[in-house]
């Protein structure tokens, strides 16, 4: 299983708009991805309610994981999005 550990770059954490941006990117990744707090249970990264339920705060470590073929590239893109706290989806997502 491929995984990436990354700190949330959005000051407000994964709430409302940042969560929406992340979920759209996770859906577009084309592989199933889970997201979890470093010490928590993984949830579906393509589910807005699941991502919001994490309550991930800015600067907090999260774990992105997938066991699908091609997961490494998808996880790299999602990790970059989360770490940099991007306000728009990059064209590469």
PDB file of N, CA and C in Angstrom:
ATOM      1  N   UNK A   1       0.835  -1.179   0.000  1.00  0.00           N
ATOM      2  CA  UNK A   1       0.000   0.000   0.000  1.00  0.00           C
ATOM      3  C   UNK A   1       0.879   1.241   0.000  1.00  0.00           C
ATOM      4  N   UNK A   2       0.588   2.147  -0.923  1.00  0.00           N
ATOM      5  CA  UNK A   2       1.318   3.409  -0.995  1.00  0.00           C
ATOM      6  C   UNK A   2       0.678   4.405  -0.034  1.00  0.00           C
ATOM      7  N   UNK A   3       1.512   5.194   0.624  1.00  0.00           N
ATOM      8  CA  UNK A   3       0.962   6.230   1.501  1.00  0.00           C
ATOM      9  C   UNK A   3       1.863   7.450   1.528  1.00  0.00           C
ATOM     10  N   UNK A   4       1.247   8.566   1.842  1.00  0.00           N
ATOM     11  CA  UNK A   4       1.964   9.832   1.997  1.00  0.00           C
ATOM     12  C   UNK A   4       1.502  10.465   3.298  1.00  0.00           C
ATOM     13  N   UNK A   5       2.456  10.928   4.084  1.00  0.00           N
ATOM     14  CA  UNK A   5       2.155  11.676   5.311  1.00  0.00           C
ATOM     15  C   UNK A   5       2.473  13.134   5.024  1.00  0.00           C
ATOM     16  N   UNK A   6       1.507  13.988   5.329  1.00  0.00           N
ATOM     17  CA  UNK A   6       1.662  15.396   4.989  1.00  0.00           C
ATOM     18  C   UNK A   6       0.926  16.253   6.015  1.00  0.00           C
ATOM     19  N   UNK A   7       1.446  17.451   6.253  1.00  0.00           N
ATOM     20  CA  UNK A   7       0.785  18.393   7.151  1.00  0.00           C
ATOM     21  C   UNK A   7      -0.163  19.267   6.350  1.00  0.00           C
ATOM     22  N   UNK A   8      -1.344  19.508   6.906  1.00  0.00           N
ATOM     23  CA  UNK A   8      -2.370  20.313   6.243  1.00  0.00           C
ATOM     24  C   UNK A   8      -1.889  21.755   6.119  1.00  0.00           C
ATOM     25  N   UNK A   9      -1.837  22.249   4.881  1.00  0.00           N
ATOM     26  CA  UNK A   9      -1.327  23.590   4.612  1.00  0.00           C
ATOM     27  C   UNK A   9      -2.369  24.699   4.704  1.00  0.00           C
ATOM     28  N   UNK A  10      -3.641  24.344   4.749  1.00  0.00           N
ATOM     29  CA  UNK A  10      -4.685  25.361   4.899  1.00  0.00           C
ATOM     30  C   UNK A  10      -4.763  25.761   6.364  1.00  0.00           C
ATOM     31  N   UNK A  11      -4.701  27.055   6.652  1.00  0.00           N
ATOM     32  CA  UNK A  11      -4.746  27.538   8.037  1.00  0.00           C
ATOM     33  C   UNK A  11      -6.012  27.076   8.749  1.00  0.00           C
ATOM     34  N   UNK A  12      -7.135  27.057   8.024  1.00  0.00           N
ATOM     35  CA  UNK A  12      -8.409  26.651   8.629  1.00  0.00           C
ATOM     36  C   UNK A  12      -8.598  25.141   8.640  1.00  0.00           C
ATOM     37  N   UNK A  13      -7.624  24.384   8.140  1.00  0.00           N
ATOM     38  CA  UNK A  13      -7.732  22.935   8.106  1.00  0.00           C
ATOM     39  C   UNK A  13      -8.584  22.465   6.936  1.00  0.00           C
ATOM     40  N   UNK A  14      -8.996  21.222   6.992  1.00  0.00           N
ATOM     41  CA  UNK A  14      -9.823  20.643   5.926  1.00  0.00           C
ATOM     42  C   UNK A  14     -11.302  20.883   6.239  1.00  0.00           C
ATOM     43  N   UNK A  15     -11.710  22.140   6.143  1.00  0.00           N
ATOM     44  CA  UNK A  15     -13.089  22.534   6.409  1.00  0.00           C
ATOM     45  C   UNK A  15     -13.641  23.280   5.208  1.00  0.00           C
ATOM     46  N   UNK A  16     -14.910  23.110   4.931  1.00  0.00           N
ATOM     47  CA  UNK A  16     -15.653  23.810   3.886  1.00  0.00           C
ATOM     48  C   UNK A  16     -14.902  23.890   2.555  1.00  0.00           C
ATOM     49  N   UNK A  17     -14.429  25.069   2.174  1.00  0.00           N
ATOM     50  CA  UNK A  17     -13.820  25.242   0.858  1.00  0.00           C
ATOM     51  C   UNK A  17     -12.584  24.359   0.649  1.00  0.00           C
ATOM     52  N   UNK A  18     -11.634  24.328   1.585  1.00  0.00           N
ATOM     53  CA  UNK A  18     -10.475  23.443   1.371  1.00  0.00           C
ATOM     54  C   UNK A  18     -10.881  21.974   1.225  1.00  0.00           C
ATOM     55  N   UNK A  19     -11.845  21.538   2.006  1.00  0.00           N
ATOM     56  CA  UNK A  19     -12.292  20.145   1.900  1.00  0.00           C
ATOM     57  C   UNK A  19     -12.917  19.895   0.540  1.00  0.00           C
ATOM     58  N   UNK A  20     -13.669  20.859   0.038  1.00  0.00           N
ATOM     59  CA  UNK A  20     -14.289  20.733  -1.280  1.00  0.00           C
ATOM     60  C   UNK A  20     -13.226  20.611  -2.370  1.00  0.00           C
ATOM     61  N   UNK A  21     -12.204  21.431  -2.290  1.00  0.00           N
ATOM     62  CA  UNK A  21     -11.104  21.383  -3.263  1.00  0.00           C
ATOM     63  C   UNK A  21     -10.413  20.021  -3.192  1.00  0.00           C
ATOM     64  N   UNK A  22     -10.139  19.554  -1.976  1.00  0.00           N
ATOM     65  CA  UNK A  22      -9.471  18.273  -1.801  1.00  0.00           C
ATOM     66  C   UNK A  22     -10.320  17.113  -2.331  1.00  0.00           C
ATOM     67  N   UNK A  23     -11.607  17.103  -2.013  1.00  0.00           N
ATOM     68  CA  UNK A  23     -12.491  16.018  -2.440  1.00  0.00           C
ATOM     69  C   UNK A  23     -12.596  15.970  -3.961  1.00  0.00           C
ATOM     70  N   UNK A  24     -12.682  17.127  -4.609  1.00  0.00           N
ATOM     71  CA  UNK A  24     -12.718  17.146  -6.081  1.00  0.00           C
ATOM     72  C   UNK A  24     -11.437  16.557  -6.648  1.00  0.00           C
ATOM     73  N   UNK A  25     -10.311  16.898  -6.056  1.00  0.00           N
ATOM     74  CA  UNK A  25      -9.025  16.359  -6.524  1.00  0.00           C
ATOM     75  C   UNK A  25      -8.942  14.853  -6.276  1.00  0.00           C
ATOM     76  N   UNK A  26      -9.416  14.396  -5.126  1.00  0.00           N
ATOM     77  CA  UNK A  26      -9.383  12.967  -4.812  1.00  0.00           C
ATOM     78  C   UNK A  26     -10.277  12.191  -5.778  1.00  0.00           C
ATOM     79  N   UNK A  27     -11.419  12.755  -6.109  1.00  0.00           N
ATOM     80  CA  UNK A  27     -12.331  12.116  -7.063  1.00  0.00           C
ATOM     81  C   UNK A  27     -11.693  12.043  -8.444  1.00  0.00           C
ATOM     82  N   UNK A  28     -11.015  13.117  -8.836  1.00  0.00           N
ATOM     83  CA  UNK A  28     -10.374  13.181 -10.151  1.00  0.00           C
ATOM     84  C   UNK A  28      -9.125  12.305 -10.235  1.00  0.00           C
ATOM     85  N   UNK A  29      -8.609  11.849  -9.107  1.00  0.00           N
ATOM     86  CA  UNK A  29      -7.376  11.059  -9.093  1.00  0.00           C
ATOM     87  C   UNK A  29      -7.513   9.752  -9.867  1.00  0.00           C
ATOM     88  N   UNK A  30      -8.726   9.235  -9.959  1.00  0.00           N
ATOM     89  CA  UNK A  30      -8.942   8.019 -10.729  1.00  0.00           C
ATOM     90  C   UNK A  30      -8.599   6.733 -10.010  1.00  0.00           C
ATOM     91  N   UNK A  31      -8.182   6.824  -8.764  1.00  0.00           N
ATOM     92  CA  UNK A  31      -7.907   5.650  -7.939  1.00  0.00           C
ATOM     93  C   UNK A  31      -8.552   5.875  -6.574  1.00  0.00           C
ATOM     94  N   UNK A  32      -8.962   4.790  -5.914  1.00  0.00           N
ATOM     95  CA  UNK A  32      -9.532   4.970  -4.579  1.00  0.00           C
ATOM     96  C   UNK A  32      -8.449   5.398  -3.585  1.00  0.00           C
ATOM     97  N   UNK A  33      -8.731   6.441  -2.826  1.00  0.00           N
ATOM     98  CA  UNK A  33      -7.780   6.991  -1.868  1.00  0.00           C
ATOM     99  C   UNK A  33      -8.474   7.126  -0.520  1.00  0.00           C
ATOM    100  N   UNK A  34      -7.745   6.846   0.539  1.00  0.00           N
ATOM    101  CA  UNK A  34      -8.260   7.102   1.879  1.00  0.00           C
ATOM    102  C   UNK A  34      -7.444   8.219   2.512  1.00  0.00           C
ATOM    103  N   UNK A  35      -8.062   8.877   3.490  1.00  0.00           N
ATOM    104  CA  UNK A  35      -7.401   9.929   4.243  1.00  0.00           C
ATOM    105  C   UNK A  35      -7.679   9.681   5.716  1.00  0.00           C
ATOM    106  N   UNK A  36      -6.691   9.942   6.553  1.00  0.00           N
ATOM    107  CA  UNK A  36      -6.854   9.747   7.995  1.00  0.00           C
ATOM    108  C   UNK A  36      -5.962  10.728   8.730  1.00  0.00           C
ATOM    109  N   UNK A  37      -6.347  11.045   9.965  1.00  0.00           N
ATOM    110  CA  UNK A  37      -5.414  11.734  10.840  1.00  0.00           C
ATOM    111  C   UNK A  37      -4.320  10.725  11.161  1.00  0.00           C
ATOM    112  N   UNK A  38      -3.168  11.196  11.565  1.00  0.00           N
ATOM    113  CA  UNK A  38      -2.029  10.313  11.816  1.00  0.00           C
ATOM    114  C   UNK A  38      -2.367   9.189  12.795  1.00  0.00           C
ATOM    115  N   UNK A  39      -3.257   9.438  13.731  1.00  0.00           N
ATOM    116  CA  UNK A  39      -3.588   8.435  14.743  1.00  0.00           C
ATOM    117  C   UNK A  39      -5.020   7.910  14.607  1.00  0.00           C
ATOM    118  N   UNK A  40      -5.654   8.186  13.451  1.00  0.00           N
ATOM    119  CA  UNK A  40      -7.063   7.836  13.304  1.00  0.00           C
ATOM    120  C   UNK A  40      -7.347   6.787  12.251  1.00  0.00           C
ATOM    121  N   UNK A  41      -8.624   6.497  12.108  1.00  0.00           N
ATOM    122  CA  UNK A  41      -9.088   5.523  11.123  1.00  0.00           C
ATOM    123  C   UNK A  41      -9.247   6.184   9.763  1.00  0.00           C
ATOM    124  N   UNK A  42      -8.900   5.487   8.682  1.00  0.00           N
ATOM    125  CA  UNK A  42      -9.022   6.068   7.340  1.00  0.00           C
ATOM    126  C   UNK A  42     -10.478   6.149   6.883  1.00  0.00           C
ATOM    127  N   UNK A  43     -10.744   7.202   6.089  1.00  0.00           N
ATOM    128  CA  UNK A  43     -12.060   7.389   5.477  1.00  0.00           C
ATOM    129  C   UNK A  43     -11.860   7.630   3.986  1.00  0.00           C
ATOM    130  N   UNK A  44     -12.933   7.507   3.232  1.00  0.00           N
ATOM    131  CA  UNK A  44     -12.910   7.712   1.788  1.00  0.00           C
ATOM    132  C   UNK A  44     -12.590   9.180   1.475  1.00  0.00           C
ATOM    133  N   UNK A  45     -11.496   9.414   0.762  1.00  0.00           N
ATOM    134  CA  UNK A  45     -11.076  10.780   0.439  1.00  0.00           C
ATOM    135  C   UNK A  45     -11.986  11.455  -0.581  1.00  0.00           C
ATOM    136  N   UNK A  46     -12.826  10.691  -1.263  1.00  0.00           N
ATOM    137  CA  UNK A  46     -13.736  11.269  -2.259  1.00  0.00           C
ATOM    138  C   UNK A  46     -15.106  11.603  -1.657  1.00  0.00           C
ATOM    139  N   UNK A  47     -15.252  11.463  -0.352  1.00  0.00           N
ATOM    140  CA  UNK A  47     -16.513  11.758   0.325  1.00  0.00           C
ATOM    141  C   UNK A  47     -16.387  13.035   1.141  1.00  0.00           C
ATOM    142  N   UNK A  48     -17.163  14.055   0.766  1.00  0.00           N
ATOM    143  CA  UNK A  48     -17.110  15.339   1.471  1.00  0.00           C
ATOM    144  C   UNK A  48     -17.439  15.149   2.956  1.00  0.00           C
ATOM    145  N   UNK A  49     -18.491  14.408   3.260  1.00  0.00           N
ATOM    146  CA  UNK A  49     -18.873  14.218   4.663  1.00  0.00           C
ATOM    147  C   UNK A  49     -17.784  13.495   5.450  1.00  0.00           C
ATOM    148  N   UNK A  50     -17.172  12.490   4.834  1.00  0.00           N
ATOM    149  CA  UNK A  50     -16.114  11.743   5.512  1.00  0.00           C
ATOM    150  C   UNK A  50     -14.907  12.639   5.792  1.00  0.00           C
ATOM    151  N   UNK A  51     -14.517  13.451   4.815  1.00  0.00           N
ATOM    152  CA  UNK A  51     -13.364  14.344   4.996  1.00  0.00           C
ATOM    153  C   UNK A  51     -13.664  15.380   6.073  1.00  0.00           C
ATOM    154  N   UNK A  52     -14.854  15.966   6.044  1.00  0.00           N
ATOM    155  CA  UNK A  52     -15.225  16.941   7.065  1.00  0.00           C
ATOM    156  C   UNK A  52     -15.255  16.312   8.461  1.00  0.00           C
ATOM    157  N   UNK A  53     -15.669  15.041   8.535  1.00  0.00           N
ATOM    158  CA  UNK A  53     -15.765  14.371   9.829  1.00  0.00           C
ATOM    159  C   UNK A  53     -14.405  14.161  10.497  1.00  0.00           C
ATOM    160  N   UNK A  54     -13.324  14.235   9.726  1.00  0.00           N
ATOM    161  CA  UNK A  54     -11.988  14.086  10.307  1.00  0.00           C
ATOM    162  C   UNK A  54     -11.666  15.241  11.257  1.00  0.00           C
ATOM    163  N   UNK A  55     -12.138  16.436  10.917  1.00  0.00           N
ATOM    164  CA  UNK A  55     -11.809  17.602  11.729  1.00  0.00           C
ATOM    165  C   UNK A  55     -10.334  17.943  11.688  1.00  0.00           C
ATOM    166  N   UNK A  56      -9.694  17.710  10.545  1.00  0.00           N
ATOM    167  CA  UNK A  56      -8.255  17.969  10.409  1.00  0.00           C
ATOM    168  C   UNK A  56      -7.980  19.468  10.459  1.00  0.00           C
ATOM    169  N   UNK A  57      -7.105  19.868  11.353  1.00  0.00           N
ATOM    170  CA  UNK A  57      -6.752  21.266  11.566  1.00  0.00           C
ATOM    171  C   UNK A  57      -5.509  21.648  10.757  1.00  0.00           C
ATOM    172  N   UNK A  58      -5.323  22.932  10.533  1.00  0.00           N
ATOM    173  CA  UNK A  58      -4.135  23.423   9.848  1.00  0.00           C
ATOM    174  C   UNK A  58      -2.883  22.994  10.590  1.00  0.00           C
ATOM    175  N   UNK A  59      -1.896  22.480   9.860  1.00  0.00           N
ATOM    176  CA  UNK A  59      -0.640  22.034  10.439  1.00  0.00           C
ATOM    177  C   UNK A  59      -0.657  20.609  10.959  1.00  0.00           C
ATOM    178  N   UNK A  60      -1.835  20.016  11.052  1.00  0.00           N
ATOM    179  CA  UNK A  60      -1.962  18.647  11.552  1.00  0.00           C
ATOM    180  C   UNK A  60      -1.534  17.640  10.485  1.00  0.00           C
ATOM    181  N   UNK A  61      -0.903  16.553  10.918  1.00  0.00           N
ATOM    182  CA  UNK A  61      -0.471  15.522   9.978  1.00  0.00           C
ATOM    183  C   UNK A  61      -1.643  14.629   9.591  1.00  0.00           C
ATOM    184  N   UNK A  62      -1.753  14.369   8.280  1.00  0.00           N
ATOM    185  CA  UNK A  62      -2.733  13.416   7.772  1.00  0.00           C
ATOM    186  C   UNK A  62      -1.992  12.365   6.951  1.00  0.00           C
ATOM    187  N   UNK A  63      -2.670  11.238   6.741  1.00  0.00           N
ATOM    188  CA  UNK A  63      -2.105  10.137   5.971  1.00  0.00           C
ATOM    189  C   UNK A  63      -3.022   9.859   4.787  1.00  0.00           C
ATOM    190  N   UNK A  64      -2.466   9.938   3.583  1.00  0.00           N
ATOM    191  CA  UNK A  64      -3.180   9.585   2.360  1.00  0.00           C
ATOM    192  C   UNK A  64      -2.681   8.214   1.935  1.00  0.00           C
ATOM    193  N   UNK A  65      -3.595   7.329   1.561  1.00  0.00           N
ATOM    194  CA  UNK A  65      -3.176   5.966   1.208  1.00  0.00           C
ATOM    195  C   UNK A  65      -4.043   5.394   0.093  1.00  0.00           C
ATOM    196  N   UNK A  66      -3.444   4.480  -0.676  1.00  0.00           N
ATOM    197  CA  UNK A  66      -4.158   3.753  -1.721  1.00  0.00           C
ATOM    198  C   UNK A  66      -3.357   2.509  -2.080  1.00  0.00           C
ATOM    199  N   UNK A  67      -4.069   1.435  -2.410  1.00  0.00           N
ATOM    200  CA  UNK A  67      -3.380   0.226  -2.853  1.00  0.00           C
ATOM    201  C   UNK A  67      -3.648  -0.050  -4.329  1.00  0.00           C
ATOM    202  N   UNK A  68      -4.172   0.934  -5.042  1.00  0.00           N
ATOM    203  CA  UNK A  68      -4.487   0.781  -6.461  1.00  0.00           C
ATOM    204  C   UNK A  68      -3.235   0.966  -7.325  1.00  0.00           C
ATOM    205  N   UNK A  69      -3.292   0.396  -8.512  1.00  0.00           N
ATOM    206  CA  UNK A  69      -2.221   0.602  -9.479  1.00  0.00           C
ATOM    207  C   UNK A  69      -2.215   2.078  -9.876  1.00  0.00           C
ATOM    208  N   UNK A  70      -1.053   2.685  -9.954  1.00  0.00           N
ATOM    209  CA  UNK A  70      -0.942   4.101 -10.289  1.00  0.00           C
ATOM    210  C   UNK A  70      -1.172   5.022  -9.104  1.00  0.00           C
ATOM    211  N   UNK A  71      -1.209   4.460  -7.913  1.00  0.00           N
ATOM    212  CA  UNK A  71      -1.499   5.247  -6.718  1.00  0.00           C
ATOM    213  C   UNK A  71      -0.400   6.257  -6.386  1.00  0.00           C
ATOM    214  N   UNK A  72       0.853   5.917  -6.667  1.00  0.00           N
ATOM    215  CA  UNK A  72       1.953   6.808  -6.282  1.00  0.00           C
ATOM    216  C   UNK A  72       1.798   8.200  -6.878  1.00  0.00           C
ATOM    217  N   UNK A  73       1.510   8.280  -8.162  1.00  0.00           N
ATOM    218  CA  UNK A  73       1.371   9.590  -8.811  1.00  0.00           C
ATOM    219  C   UNK A  73       0.173  10.347  -8.241  1.00  0.00           C
ATOM    220  N   UNK A  74      -0.930   9.653  -8.034  1.00  0.00           N
ATOM    221  CA  UNK A  74      -2.129  10.291  -7.487  1.00  0.00           C
ATOM    222  C   UNK A  74      -1.874  10.809  -6.078  1.00  0.00           C
ATOM    223  N   UNK A  75      -1.218  10.004  -5.260  1.00  0.00           N
ATOM    224  CA  UNK A  75      -0.925  10.427  -3.889  1.00  0.00           C
ATOM    225  C   UNK A  75       0.043  11.593  -3.857  1.00  0.00           C
ATOM    226  N   UNK A  76       1.012  11.611  -4.764  1.00  0.00           N
ATOM    227  CA  UNK A  76       1.937  12.745  -4.840  1.00  0.00           C
ATOM    228  C   UNK A  76       1.185  14.043  -5.131  1.00  0.00           C
ATOM    229  N   UNK A  77       0.245  13.994  -6.098  1.00  0.00           N
ATOM    230  CA  UNK A  77      -0.526  15.192  -6.447  1.00  0.00           C
ATOM    231  C   UNK A  77      -1.401  15.641  -5.275  1.00  0.00           C
ATOM    232  N   UNK A  78      -2.057  14.704  -4.627  1.00  0.00           N
ATOM    233  CA  UNK A  78      -2.925  15.062  -3.503  1.00  0.00           C
ATOM    234  C   UNK A  78      -2.112  15.588  -2.321  1.00  0.00           C
ATOM    235  N   UNK A  79      -0.962  14.987  -2.058  1.00  0.00           N
ATOM    236  CA  UNK A  79      -0.111  15.446  -0.961  1.00  0.00           C
ATOM    237  C   UNK A  79       0.369  16.870  -1.206  1.00  0.00           C
ATOM    238  N   UNK A  80       0.718  17.175  -2.440  1.00  0.00           N
ATOM    239  CA  UNK A  80       1.157  18.534  -2.785  1.00  0.00           C
ATOM    240  C   UNK A  80       0.015  19.522  -2.573  1.00  0.00           C
ATOM    241  N   UNK A  81      -1.179  19.164  -3.000  1.00  0.00           N
ATOM    242  CA  UNK A  81      -2.347  20.024  -2.837  1.00  0.00           C
ATOM    243  C   UNK A  81      -2.593  20.321  -1.364  1.00  0.00           C
ATOM    244  N   UNK A  82      -2.557  19.294  -0.528  1.00  0.00           N
ATOM    245  CA  UNK A  82      -2.807  19.459   0.903  1.00  0.00           C
ATOM    246  C   UNK A  82      -1.694  20.263   1.572  1.00  0.00           C
ATOM    247  N   UNK A  83      -0.442  19.930   1.283  1.00  0.00           N
ATOM    248  CA  UNK A  83       0.692  20.591   1.928  1.00  0.00           C
ATOM    249  C   UNK A  83       0.766  22.073   1.596  1.00  0.00           C
ATOM    250  N   UNK A  84       0.454  22.403   0.350  1.00  0.00           N
ATOM    251  CA  UNK A  84       0.572  23.793  -0.083  1.00  0.00           C
ATOM    252  C   UNK A  84      -0.700  24.592   0.175  1.00  0.00           C
ATOM    253  N   UNK A  85      -1.788  23.915   0.545  1.00  0.00           N
ATOM    254  CA  UNK A  85      -3.034  24.617   0.825  1.00  0.00           C
ATOM    255  C   UNK A  85      -3.533  25.403  -0.371  1.00  0.00           C
ATOM    256  N   UNK A  86      -3.472  24.796  -1.548  1.00  0.00           N
ATOM    257  CA  UNK A  86      -3.840  25.495  -2.773  1.00  0.00           C
ATOM    258  C   UNK A  86      -5.316  25.875  -2.779  1.00  0.00           C
ATOM    259  N   UNK A  87      -5.629  27.047  -3.300  1.00  0.00           N
ATOM    260  CA  UNK A  87      -7.003  27.543  -3.353  1.00  0.00           C
ATOM    261  C   UNK A  87      -7.731  27.145  -4.627  1.00  0.00           C
ATOM    262  N   UNK A  88      -7.005  26.621  -5.595  1.00  0.00           N
ATOM    263  CA  UNK A  88      -7.595  26.171  -6.860  1.00  0.00           C
ATOM    264  C   UNK A  88      -6.986  24.821  -7.199  1.00  0.00           C
ATOM    265  N   UNK A  89      -7.722  24.031  -7.929  1.00  0.00           N
ATOM    266  CA  UNK A  89      -7.172  22.756  -8.392  1.00  0.00           C
ATOM    267  C   UNK A  89      -6.124  23.021  -9.464  1.00  0.00           C
ATOM    268  N   UNK A  90      -4.914  22.497  -9.305  1.00  0.00           N
ATOM    269  CA  UNK A  90      -3.934  22.656 -10.378  1.00  0.00           C
ATOM    270  C   UNK A  90      -4.358  21.852 -11.601  1.00  0.00           C
ATOM    271  N   UNK A  91      -3.921  22.265 -12.764  1.00  0.00           N
ATOM    272  CA  UNK A  91      -4.304  21.585 -14.002  1.00  0.00           C
ATOM    273  C   UNK A  91      -3.819  20.139 -14.029  1.00  0.00           C
ATOM    274  N   UNK A  92      -2.806  19.825 -13.242  1.00  0.00           N
ATOM    275  CA  UNK A  92      -2.257  18.479 -13.246  1.00  0.00           C
ATOM    276  C   UNK A  92      -3.077  17.486 -12.431  1.00  0.00           C
ATOM    277  N   UNK A  93      -4.105  17.954 -11.731  1.00  0.00           N
ATOM    278  CA  UNK A  93      -4.940  17.047 -10.933  1.00  0.00           C
ATOM    279  C   UNK A  93      -5.996  16.432 -11.793  1.00  0.00           C
TER     280      UNK A  93
END
